[in-house]
Amino acid sequence: MDNIEYECPVCNVKLNSRKEPFASVRAVALHIAARIKGNDTDHKIWAYENRGEEEIDKAITLVKAKDDINELAKLLLLPVNKWCNEKSKPNIGFKKHK
């Protein structure tokens, strides 16, 4: 079993709405989608930066029409996965000298 600790790249929250640790990248994507549905500007800006404003705005329109965040969460899976993978890599390389 992996001991990966998932975290929101925007607000650094590690727990879902039931106060349980995020179980997957999808859980984090759903968290971000839910925050966007609730008009959280920071989460929306992160989504714009990572998927594009036009694509996210279309998904938000669907979310509001269907009251379903899944389509928006699907768009966020790849950028959330990328962020989680980069975060879990060790920080190796050269350090800058002053």
PDB file of N, CA and C in Angstrom:
ATOM      1  N   MET A   1       0.837  -1.195   0.000  1.00  0.00           N
ATOM      2  CA  MET A   1       0.000   0.000   0.000  1.00  0.00           C
ATOM      3  C   MET A   1       0.877   1.252   0.000  1.00  0.00           C
ATOM      4  N   ASP A   2       0.536   2.208  -0.834  1.00  0.00           N
ATOM      5  CA  ASP A   2       1.295   3.442  -0.896  1.00  0.00           C
ATOM      6  C   ASP A   2       0.964   4.330   0.294  1.00  0.00           C
ATOM      7  N   ASN A   3       1.974   4.995   0.784  1.00  0.00           N
ATOM      8  CA  ASN A   3       1.770   5.946   1.871  1.00  0.00           C
ATOM      9  C   ASN A   3       1.843   7.367   1.330  1.00  0.00           C
ATOM     10  N   ILE A   4       1.187   7.589   0.222  1.00  0.00           N
ATOM     11  CA  ILE A   4       1.190   8.907  -0.399  1.00  0.00           C
ATOM     12  C   ILE A   4       0.217   9.796   0.356  1.00  0.00           C
ATOM     13  N   GLU A   5       0.677  10.988   0.652  1.00  0.00           N
ATOM     14  CA  GLU A   5      -0.176  11.956   1.332  1.00  0.00           C
ATOM     15  C   GLU A   5      -0.607  12.987   0.299  1.00  0.00           C
ATOM     16  N   TYR A   6      -1.868  12.944  -0.092  1.00  0.00           N
ATOM     17  CA  TYR A   6      -2.388  13.865  -1.097  1.00  0.00           C
ATOM     18  C   TYR A   6      -2.755  15.190  -0.436  1.00  0.00           C
ATOM     19  N   GLU A   7      -2.585  16.251  -1.217  1.00  0.00           N
ATOM     20  CA  GLU A   7      -2.784  17.596  -0.685  1.00  0.00           C
ATOM     21  C   GLU A   7      -3.274  18.502  -1.803  1.00  0.00           C
ATOM     22  N   CYS A   8      -4.102  19.462  -1.467  1.00  0.00           N
ATOM     23  CA  CYS A   8      -4.576  20.426  -2.456  1.00  0.00           C
ATOM     24  C   CYS A   8      -3.430  21.377  -2.811  1.00  0.00           C
ATOM     25  N   PRO A   9      -3.147  21.553  -4.112  1.00  0.00           N
ATOM     26  CA  PRO A   9      -2.066  22.459  -4.507  1.00  0.00           C
ATOM     27  C   PRO A   9      -2.388  23.931  -4.274  1.00  0.00           C
ATOM     28  N   VAL A  10      -3.633  24.233  -3.996  1.00  0.00           N
ATOM     29  CA  VAL A  10      -4.044  25.619  -3.811  1.00  0.00           C
ATOM     30  C   VAL A  10      -4.039  26.008  -2.337  1.00  0.00           C
ATOM     31  N   CYS A  11      -4.742  25.249  -1.518  1.00  0.00           N
ATOM     32  CA  CYS A  11      -4.917  25.622  -0.104  1.00  0.00           C
ATOM     33  C   CYS A  11      -4.164  24.703   0.857  1.00  0.00           C
ATOM     34  N   ASN A  12      -3.486  23.695   0.313  1.00  0.00           N
ATOM     35  CA  ASN A  12      -2.682  22.750   1.094  1.00  0.00           C
ATOM     36  C   ASN A  12      -3.474  21.916   2.095  1.00  0.00           C
ATOM     37  N   VAL A  13      -4.792  21.841   1.910  1.00  0.00           N
ATOM     38  CA  VAL A  13      -5.636  20.995   2.742  1.00  0.00           C
ATOM     39  C   VAL A  13      -5.331  19.538   2.413  1.00  0.00           C
ATOM     40  N   LYS A  14      -5.333  18.680   3.417  1.00  0.00           N
ATOM     41  CA  LYS A  14      -5.043  17.258   3.212  1.00  0.00           C
ATOM     42  C   LYS A  14      -6.239  16.376   3.553  1.00  0.00           C
ATOM     43  N   LEU A  15      -7.346  17.002   3.977  1.00  0.00           N
ATOM     44  CA  LEU A  15      -8.537  16.258   4.396  1.00  0.00           C
ATOM     45  C   LEU A  15      -9.738  16.634   3.542  1.00  0.00           C
ATOM     46  N   ASN A  16     -10.596  15.657   3.306  1.00  0.00           N
ATOM     47  CA  ASN A  16     -11.820  15.921   2.565  1.00  0.00           C
ATOM     48  C   ASN A  16     -12.888  16.509   3.495  1.00  0.00           C
ATOM     49  N   SER A  17     -14.092  16.677   2.994  1.00  0.00           N
ATOM     50  CA  SER A  17     -15.164  17.289   3.793  1.00  0.00           C
ATOM     51  C   SER A  17     -15.589  16.436   4.981  1.00  0.00           C
ATOM     52  N   ARG A  18     -15.241  15.142   4.957  1.00  0.00           N
ATOM     53  CA  ARG A  18     -15.545  14.258   6.095  1.00  0.00           C
ATOM     54  C   ARG A  18     -14.378  14.162   7.074  1.00  0.00           C
ATOM     55  N   LYS A  19     -13.388  15.050   6.862  1.00  0.00           N
ATOM     56  CA  LYS A  19     -12.187  15.106   7.725  1.00  0.00           C
ATOM     57  C   LYS A  19     -11.333  13.846   7.618  1.00  0.00           C
ATOM     58  N   GLU A  20     -11.367  13.210   6.427  1.00  0.00           N
ATOM     59  CA  GLU A  20     -10.531  12.042   6.145  1.00  0.00           C
ATOM     60  C   GLU A  20      -9.463  12.465   5.142  1.00  0.00           C
ATOM     61  N   PRO A  21      -8.281  11.856   5.205  1.00  0.00           N
ATOM     62  CA  PRO A  21      -7.241  12.205   4.226  1.00  0.00           C
ATOM     63  C   PRO A  21      -7.711  11.917   2.801  1.00  0.00           C
ATOM     64  N   PHE A  22      -7.298  12.773   1.862  1.00  0.00           N
ATOM     65  CA  PHE A  22      -7.611  12.520   0.460  1.00  0.00           C
ATOM     66  C   PHE A  22      -7.045  11.153   0.090  1.00  0.00           C
ATOM     67  N   ALA A  23      -7.839  10.342  -0.573  1.00  0.00           N
ATOM     68  CA  ALA A  23      -7.445   8.976  -0.913  1.00  0.00           C
ATOM     69  C   ALA A  23      -6.758   8.872  -2.266  1.00  0.00           C
ATOM     70  N   SER A  24      -6.892   9.913  -3.099  1.00  0.00           N
ATOM     71  CA  SER A  24      -6.365   9.816  -4.458  1.00  0.00           C
ATOM     72  C   SER A  24      -6.264  11.199  -5.093  1.00  0.00           C
ATOM     73  N   VAL A  25      -5.667  11.212  -6.272  1.00  0.00           N
ATOM     74  CA  VAL A  25      -5.613  12.432  -7.079  1.00  0.00           C
ATOM     75  C   VAL A  25      -7.036  12.874  -7.420  1.00  0.00           C
ATOM     76  N   ARG A  26      -7.896  11.912  -7.722  1.00  0.00           N
ATOM     77  CA  ARG A  26      -9.292  12.234  -8.036  1.00  0.00           C
ATOM     78  C   ARG A  26      -9.979  12.946  -6.874  1.00  0.00           C
ATOM     79  N   ALA A  27      -9.692  12.520  -5.661  1.00  0.00           N
ATOM     80  CA  ALA A  27     -10.285  13.161  -4.488  1.00  0.00           C
ATOM     81  C   ALA A  27      -9.848  14.624  -4.395  1.00  0.00           C
ATOM     82  N   VAL A  28      -8.595  14.893  -4.705  1.00  0.00           N
ATOM     83  CA  VAL A  28      -8.106  16.273  -4.689  1.00  0.00           C
ATOM     84  C   VAL A  28      -8.771  17.075  -5.810  1.00  0.00           C
ATOM     85  N   ALA A  29      -8.888  16.471  -6.999  1.00  0.00           N
ATOM     86  CA  ALA A  29      -9.545  17.146  -8.115  1.00  0.00           C
ATOM     87  C   ALA A  29     -11.007  17.468  -7.784  1.00  0.00           C
ATOM     88  N   LEU A  30     -11.684  16.550  -7.130  1.00  0.00           N
ATOM     89  CA  LEU A  30     -13.073  16.802  -6.708  1.00  0.00           C
ATOM     90  C   LEU A  30     -13.136  17.930  -5.681  1.00  0.00           C
ATOM     91  N   HIS A  31     -12.167  17.978  -4.776  1.00  0.00           N
ATOM     92  CA  HIS A  31     -12.097  19.069  -3.784  1.00  0.00           C
ATOM     93  C   HIS A  31     -11.985  20.420  -4.501  1.00  0.00           C
ATOM     94  N   ILE A  32     -11.065  20.488  -5.474  1.00  0.00           N
ATOM     95  CA  ILE A  32     -10.863  21.743  -6.205  1.00  0.00           C
ATOM     96  C   ILE A  32     -12.132  22.108  -6.976  1.00  0.00           C
ATOM     97  N   ALA A  33     -12.748  21.130  -7.626  1.00  0.00           N
ATOM     98  CA  ALA A  33     -13.985  21.378  -8.372  1.00  0.00           C
ATOM     99  C   ALA A  33     -15.098  21.885  -7.449  1.00  0.00           C
ATOM    100  N   ALA A  34     -15.203  21.302  -6.281  1.00  0.00           N
ATOM    101  CA  ALA A  34     -16.225  21.739  -5.322  1.00  0.00           C
ATOM    102  C   ALA A  34     -15.961  23.165  -4.857  1.00  0.00           C
ATOM    103  N   ARG A  35     -14.706  23.493  -4.641  1.00  0.00           N
ATOM    104  CA  ARG A  35     -14.353  24.861  -4.232  1.00  0.00           C
ATOM    105  C   ARG A  35     -14.684  25.856  -5.341  1.00  0.00           C
ATOM    106  N   ILE A  36     -14.411  25.463  -6.585  1.00  0.00           N
ATOM    107  CA  ILE A  36     -14.733  26.333  -7.717  1.00  0.00           C
ATOM    108  C   ILE A  36     -16.245  26.528  -7.807  1.00  0.00           C
ATOM    109  N   LYS A  37     -16.994  25.441  -7.631  1.00  0.00           N
ATOM    110  CA  LYS A  37     -18.461  25.541  -7.646  1.00  0.00           C
ATOM    111  C   LYS A  37     -18.946  26.505  -6.567  1.00  0.00           C
ATOM    112  N   GLY A  38     -18.247  26.521  -5.437  1.00  0.00           N
ATOM    113  CA  GLY A  38     -18.584  27.428  -4.340  1.00  0.00           C
ATOM    114  C   GLY A  38     -18.003  28.819  -4.502  1.00  0.00           C
ATOM    115  N   ASN A  39     -17.502  29.134  -5.706  1.00  0.00           N
ATOM    116  CA  ASN A  39     -16.977  30.458  -6.060  1.00  0.00           C
ATOM    117  C   ASN A  39     -15.680  30.840  -5.347  1.00  0.00           C
ATOM    118  N   ASP A  40     -14.830  29.859  -5.056  1.00  0.00           N
ATOM    119  CA  ASP A  40     -13.528  30.166  -4.463  1.00  0.00           C
ATOM    120  C   ASP A  40     -12.582  30.641  -5.563  1.00  0.00           C
ATOM    121  N   THR A  41     -12.173  31.875  -5.477  1.00  0.00           N
ATOM    122  CA  THR A  41     -11.350  32.501  -6.509  1.00  0.00           C
ATOM    123  C   THR A  41      -9.977  31.847  -6.646  1.00  0.00           C
ATOM    124  N   ASP A  42      -9.312  31.533  -5.544  1.00  0.00           N
ATOM    125  CA  ASP A  42      -7.969  30.957  -5.609  1.00  0.00           C
ATOM    126  C   ASP A  42      -7.967  29.619  -6.348  1.00  0.00           C
ATOM    127  N   HIS A  43      -8.937  28.773  -6.080  1.00  0.00           N
ATOM    128  CA  HIS A  43      -9.017  27.480  -6.751  1.00  0.00           C
ATOM    129  C   HIS A  43      -9.340  27.659  -8.237  1.00  0.00           C
ATOM    130  N   LYS A  44     -10.183  28.634  -8.539  1.00  0.00           N
ATOM    131  CA  LYS A  44     -10.545  28.902  -9.930  1.00  0.00           C
ATOM    132  C   LYS A  44      -9.322  29.411 -10.707  1.00  0.00           C
ATOM    133  N   ILE A  45      -8.551  30.291 -10.108  1.00  0.00           N
ATOM    134  CA  ILE A  45      -7.347  30.814 -10.767  1.00  0.00           C
ATOM    135  C   ILE A  45      -6.361  29.684 -11.031  1.00  0.00           C
ATOM    136  N   TRP A  46      -6.178  28.789 -10.067  1.00  0.00           N
ATOM    137  CA  TRP A  46      -5.273  27.649 -10.257  1.00  0.00           C
ATOM    138  C   TRP A  46      -5.746  26.796 -11.440  1.00  0.00           C
ATOM    139  N   ALA A  47      -7.044  26.570 -11.510  1.00  0.00           N
ATOM    140  CA  ALA A  47      -7.604  25.782 -12.621  1.00  0.00           C
ATOM    141  C   ALA A  47      -7.379  26.497 -13.947  1.00  0.00           C
ATOM    142  N   TYR A  48      -7.590  27.809 -13.985  1.00  0.00           N
ATOM    143  CA  TYR A  48      -7.339  28.582 -15.203  1.00  0.00           C
ATOM    144  C   TYR A  48      -5.885  28.446 -15.629  1.00  0.00           C
ATOM    145  N   GLU A  49      -4.978  28.571 -14.680  1.00  0.00           N
ATOM    146  CA  GLU A  49      -3.540  28.507 -14.983  1.00  0.00           C
ATOM    147  C   GLU A  49      -3.130  27.127 -15.494  1.00  0.00           C
ATOM    148  N   ASN A  50      -3.825  26.090 -15.059  1.00  0.00           N
ATOM    149  CA  ASN A  50      -3.411  24.735 -15.377  1.00  0.00           C
ATOM    150  C   ASN A  50      -4.235  24.057 -16.465  1.00  0.00           C
ATOM    151  N   ARG A  51      -5.394  24.609 -16.822  1.00  0.00           N
ATOM    152  CA  ARG A  51      -6.226  24.007 -17.885  1.00  0.00           C
ATOM    153  C   ARG A  51      -6.701  25.011 -18.915  1.00  0.00           C
ATOM    154  N   GLY A  52      -6.668  26.276 -18.608  1.00  0.00           N
ATOM    155  CA  GLY A  52      -7.141  27.285 -19.552  1.00  0.00           C
ATOM    156  C   GLY A  52      -8.510  27.815 -19.161  1.00  0.00           C
ATOM    157  N   GLU A  53      -8.642  29.112 -19.287  1.00  0.00           N
ATOM    158  CA  GLU A  53      -9.866  29.788 -18.846  1.00  0.00           C
ATOM    159  C   GLU A  53     -11.105  29.337 -19.620  1.00  0.00           C
ATOM    160  N   GLU A  54     -10.991  29.226 -20.930  1.00  0.00           N
ATOM    161  CA  GLU A  54     -12.151  28.859 -21.747  1.00  0.00           C
ATOM    162  C   GLU A  54     -12.664  27.459 -21.386  1.00  0.00           C
ATOM    163  N   GLU A  55     -11.748  26.519 -21.259  1.00  0.00           N
ATOM    164  CA  GLU A  55     -12.124  25.138 -20.943  1.00  0.00           C
ATOM    165  C   GLU A  55     -12.772  25.041 -19.554  1.00  0.00           C
ATOM    166  N   ILE A  56     -12.197  25.735 -18.588  1.00  0.00           N
ATOM    167  CA  ILE A  56     -12.739  25.713 -17.223  1.00  0.00           C
ATOM    168  C   ILE A  56     -14.096  26.402 -17.185  1.00  0.00           C
ATOM    169  N   ASP A  57     -14.230  27.534 -17.859  1.00  0.00           N
ATOM    170  CA  ASP A  57     -15.526  28.234 -17.875  1.00  0.00           C
ATOM    171  C   ASP A  57     -16.633  27.380 -18.489  1.00  0.00           C
ATOM    172  N   LYS A  58     -16.314  26.626 -19.548  1.00  0.00           N
ATOM    173  CA  LYS A  58     -17.311  25.716 -20.126  1.00  0.00           C
ATOM    174  C   LYS A  58     -17.715  24.653 -19.114  1.00  0.00           C
ATOM    175  N   ALA A  59     -16.746  24.104 -18.406  1.00  0.00           N
ATOM    176  CA  ALA A  59     -17.042  23.081 -17.405  1.00  0.00           C
ATOM    177  C   ALA A  59     -17.864  23.662 -16.249  1.00  0.00           C
ATOM    178  N   ILE A  60     -17.561  24.889 -15.855  1.00  0.00           N
ATOM    179  CA  ILE A  60     -18.325  25.540 -14.775  1.00  0.00           C
ATOM    180  C   ILE A  60     -19.784  25.713 -15.198  1.00  0.00           C
ATOM    181  N   THR A  61     -20.013  26.056 -16.457  1.00  0.00           N
ATOM    182  CA  THR A  61     -21.376  26.183 -16.980  1.00  0.00           C
ATOM    183  C   THR A  61     -22.111  24.851 -16.857  1.00  0.00           C
ATOM    184  N   LEU A  62     -21.423  23.751 -17.201  1.00  0.00           N
ATOM    185  CA  LEU A  62     -22.022  22.420 -17.054  1.00  0.00           C
ATOM    186  C   LEU A  62     -22.293  22.078 -15.592  1.00  0.00           C
ATOM    187  N   VAL A  63     -21.347  22.428 -14.727  1.00  0.00           N
ATOM    188  CA  VAL A  63     -21.516  22.165 -13.292  1.00  0.00           C
ATOM    189  C   VAL A  63     -22.790  22.835 -12.793  1.00  0.00           C
ATOM    190  N   LYS A  64     -22.986  24.082 -13.177  1.00  0.00           N
ATOM    191  CA  LYS A  64     -24.161  24.825 -12.716  1.00  0.00           C
ATOM    192  C   LYS A  64     -25.449  24.279 -13.322  1.00  0.00           C
ATOM    193  N   ALA A  65     -25.388  23.842 -14.569  1.00  0.00           N
ATOM    194  CA  ALA A  65     -26.580  23.321 -15.247  1.00  0.00           C
ATOM    195  C   ALA A  65     -26.998  21.965 -14.694  1.00  0.00           C
ATOM    196  N   LYS A  66     -26.008  21.107 -14.418  1.00  0.00           N
ATOM    197  CA  LYS A  66     -26.304  19.740 -13.983  1.00  0.00           C
ATOM    198  C   LYS A  66     -26.159  19.534 -12.482  1.00  0.00           C
ATOM    199  N   ASP A  67     -25.619  20.525 -11.777  1.00  0.00           N
ATOM    200  CA  ASP A  67     -25.313  20.398 -10.350  1.00  0.00           C
ATOM    201  C   ASP A  67     -24.447  19.157 -10.090  1.00  0.00           C
ATOM    202  N   ASP A  68     -23.394  19.024 -10.929  1.00  0.00           N
ATOM    203  CA  ASP A  68     -22.511  17.866 -10.883  1.00  0.00           C
ATOM    204  C   ASP A  68     -21.087  18.332 -11.161  1.00  0.00           C
ATOM    205  N   ILE A  69     -20.185  18.114 -10.209  1.00  0.00           N
ATOM    206  CA  ILE A  69     -18.816  18.607 -10.342  1.00  0.00           C
ATOM    207  C   ILE A  69     -17.881  17.630 -11.061  1.00  0.00           C
ATOM    208  N   ASN A  70     -18.375  16.477 -11.450  1.00  0.00           N
ATOM    209  CA  ASN A  70     -17.512  15.456 -12.035  1.00  0.00           C
ATOM    210  C   ASN A  70     -16.820  15.883 -13.330  1.00  0.00           C
ATOM    211  N   GLU A  71     -17.508  16.568 -14.218  1.00  0.00           N
ATOM    212  CA  GLU A  71     -16.889  17.006 -15.476  1.00  0.00           C
ATOM    213  C   GLU A  71     -15.740  17.977 -15.212  1.00  0.00           C
ATOM    214  N   LEU A  72     -15.926  18.867 -14.277  1.00  0.00           N
ATOM    215  CA  LEU A  72     -14.872  19.809 -13.918  1.00  0.00           C
ATOM    216  C   LEU A  72     -13.701  19.068 -13.268  1.00  0.00           C
ATOM    217  N   ALA A  73     -14.002  18.135 -12.389  1.00  0.00           N
ATOM    218  CA  ALA A  73     -12.950  17.357 -11.732  1.00  0.00           C
ATOM    219  C   ALA A  73     -12.129  16.569 -12.753  1.00  0.00           C
ATOM    220  N   LYS A  74     -12.787  16.031 -13.786  1.00  0.00           N
ATOM    221  CA  LYS A  74     -12.067  15.282 -14.830  1.00  0.00           C
ATOM    222  C   LYS A  74     -11.020  16.154 -15.509  1.00  0.00           C
ATOM    223  N   LEU A  75     -11.360  17.418 -15.750  1.00  0.00           N
ATOM    224  CA  LEU A  75     -10.408  18.339 -16.373  1.00  0.00           C
ATOM    225  C   LEU A  75      -9.196  18.600 -15.480  1.00  0.00           C
ATOM    226  N   LEU A  76      -9.385  18.471 -14.193  1.00  0.00           N
ATOM    227  CA  LEU A  76      -8.323  18.797 -13.238  1.00  0.00           C
ATOM    228  C   LEU A  76      -7.441  17.611 -12.885  1.00  0.00           C
ATOM    229  N   LEU A  77      -7.818  16.409 -13.315  1.00  0.00           N
ATOM    230  CA  LEU A  77      -7.048  15.215 -12.950  1.00  0.00           C
ATOM    231  C   LEU A  77      -5.586  15.295 -13.377  1.00  0.00           C
ATOM    232  N   LEU A  78      -5.327  15.656 -14.615  1.00  0.00           N
ATOM    233  CA  LEU A  78      -3.941  15.697 -15.095  1.00  0.00           C
ATOM    234  C   LEU A  78      -3.096  16.747 -14.376  1.00  0.00           C
ATOM    235  N   PRO A  79      -3.557  17.997 -14.249  1.00  0.00           N
ATOM    236  CA  PRO A  79      -2.713  18.957 -13.538  1.00  0.00           C
ATOM    237  C   PRO A  79      -2.533  18.619 -12.057  1.00  0.00           C
ATOM    238  N   VAL A  80      -3.548  18.063 -11.418  1.00  0.00           N
ATOM    239  CA  VAL A  80      -3.405  17.666 -10.012  1.00  0.00           C
ATOM    240  C   VAL A  80      -2.408  16.515  -9.907  1.00  0.00           C
ATOM    241  N   ASN A  81      -2.514  15.553 -10.804  1.00  0.00           N
ATOM    242  CA  ASN A  81      -1.595  14.424 -10.804  1.00  0.00           C
ATOM    243  C   ASN A  81      -0.150  14.897 -11.009  1.00  0.00           C
ATOM    244  N   LYS A  82       0.037  15.801 -11.953  1.00  0.00           N
ATOM    245  CA  LYS A  82       1.373  16.352 -12.214  1.00  0.00           C
ATOM    246  C   LYS A  82       1.912  17.044 -10.962  1.00  0.00           C
ATOM    247  N   TRP A  83       1.089  17.856 -10.330  1.00  0.00           N
ATOM    248  CA  TRP A  83       1.517  18.576  -9.136  1.00  0.00           C
ATOM    249  C   TRP A  83       1.892  17.604  -8.015  1.00  0.00           C
ATOM    250  N   CYS A  84       1.070  16.584  -7.805  1.00  0.00           N
ATOM    251  CA  CYS A  84       1.340  15.594  -6.757  1.00  0.00           C
ATOM    252  C   CYS A  84       2.628  14.825  -7.039  1.00  0.00           C
ATOM    253  N   ASN A  85       2.845  14.460  -8.298  1.00  0.00           N
ATOM    254  CA  ASN A  85       4.063  13.739  -8.664  1.00  0.00           C
ATOM    255  C   ASN A  85       5.303  14.593  -8.461  1.00  0.00           C
ATOM    256  N   GLU A  86       5.235  15.847  -8.850  1.00  0.00           N
ATOM    257  CA  GLU A  86       6.382  16.739  -8.673  1.00  0.00           C
ATOM    258  C   GLU A  86       6.665  17.002  -7.207  1.00  0.00           C
ATOM    259  N   LYS A  87       5.614  17.113  -6.427  1.00  0.00           N
ATOM    260  CA  LYS A  87       5.762  17.366  -4.993  1.00  0.00           C
ATOM    261  C   LYS A  87       6.421  16.181  -4.287  1.00  0.00           C
ATOM    262  N   SER A  88       6.145  14.969  -4.754  1.00  0.00           N
ATOM    263  CA  SER A  88       6.651  13.779  -4.075  1.00  0.00           C
ATOM    264  C   SER A  88       8.090  13.433  -4.455  1.00  0.00           C
ATOM    265  N   LYS A  89       8.626  14.086  -5.495  1.00  0.00           N
ATOM    266  CA  LYS A  89       9.999  13.800  -5.897  1.00  0.00           C
ATOM    267  C   LYS A  89      10.965  14.467  -4.917  1.00  0.00           C
ATOM    268  N   PRO A  90      12.077  13.804  -4.632  1.00  0.00           N
ATOM    269  CA  PRO A  90      13.064  14.434  -3.759  1.00  0.00           C
ATOM    270  C   PRO A  90      13.675  15.653  -4.434  1.00  0.00           C
ATOM    271  N   ASN A  91      14.061  16.598  -3.650  1.00  0.00           N
ATOM    272  CA  ASN A  91      14.644  17.822  -4.161  1.00  0.00           C
ATOM    273  C   ASN A  91      16.138  17.605  -4.375  1.00  0.00           C
ATOM    274  N   ILE A  92      16.509  17.160  -5.569  1.00  0.00           N
ATOM    275  CA  ILE A  92      17.913  16.877  -5.848  1.00  0.00           C
ATOM    276  C   ILE A  92      18.454  17.870  -6.863  1.00  0.00           C
ATOM    277  N   GLY A  93      19.750  17.998  -6.895  1.00  0.00           N
ATOM    278  CA  GLY A  93      20.362  18.889  -7.866  1.00  0.00           C
ATOM    279  C   GLY A  93      21.315  19.837  -7.175  1.00  0.00           C
ATOM    280  N   PHE A  94      21.712  20.812  -7.913  1.00  0.00           N
ATOM    281  CA  PHE A  94      22.678  21.770  -7.405  1.00  0.00           C
ATOM    282  C   PHE A  94      21.980  22.880  -6.648  1.00  0.00           C
ATOM    283  N   LYS A  95      22.629  23.331  -5.599  1.00  0.00           N
ATOM    284  CA  LYS A  95      22.103  24.469  -4.841  1.00  0.00           C
ATOM    285  C   LYS A  95      22.802  25.729  -5.340  1.00  0.00           C
ATOM    286  N   LYS A  96      22.073  26.814  -5.320  1.00  0.00           N
ATOM    287  CA  LYS A  96      22.674  28.090  -5.726  1.00  0.00           C
ATOM    288  C   LYS A  96      23.586  28.578  -4.622  1.00  0.00           C
ATOM    289  N   HIS A  97      24.729  29.071  -5.020  1.00  0.00           N
ATOM    290  CA  HIS A  97      25.661  29.649  -4.055  1.00  0.00           C
ATOM    291  C   HIS A  97      25.569  31.168  -4.167  1.00  0.00           C
ATOM    292  N   LYS A  98      25.640  31.803  -3.038  1.00  0.00           N
ATOM    293  CA  LYS A  98      25.561  33.268  -3.026  1.00  0.00           C
ATOM    294  C   LYS A  98      26.919  33.874  -3.271  1.00  0.00           C
TER     295      LYS A  98
END
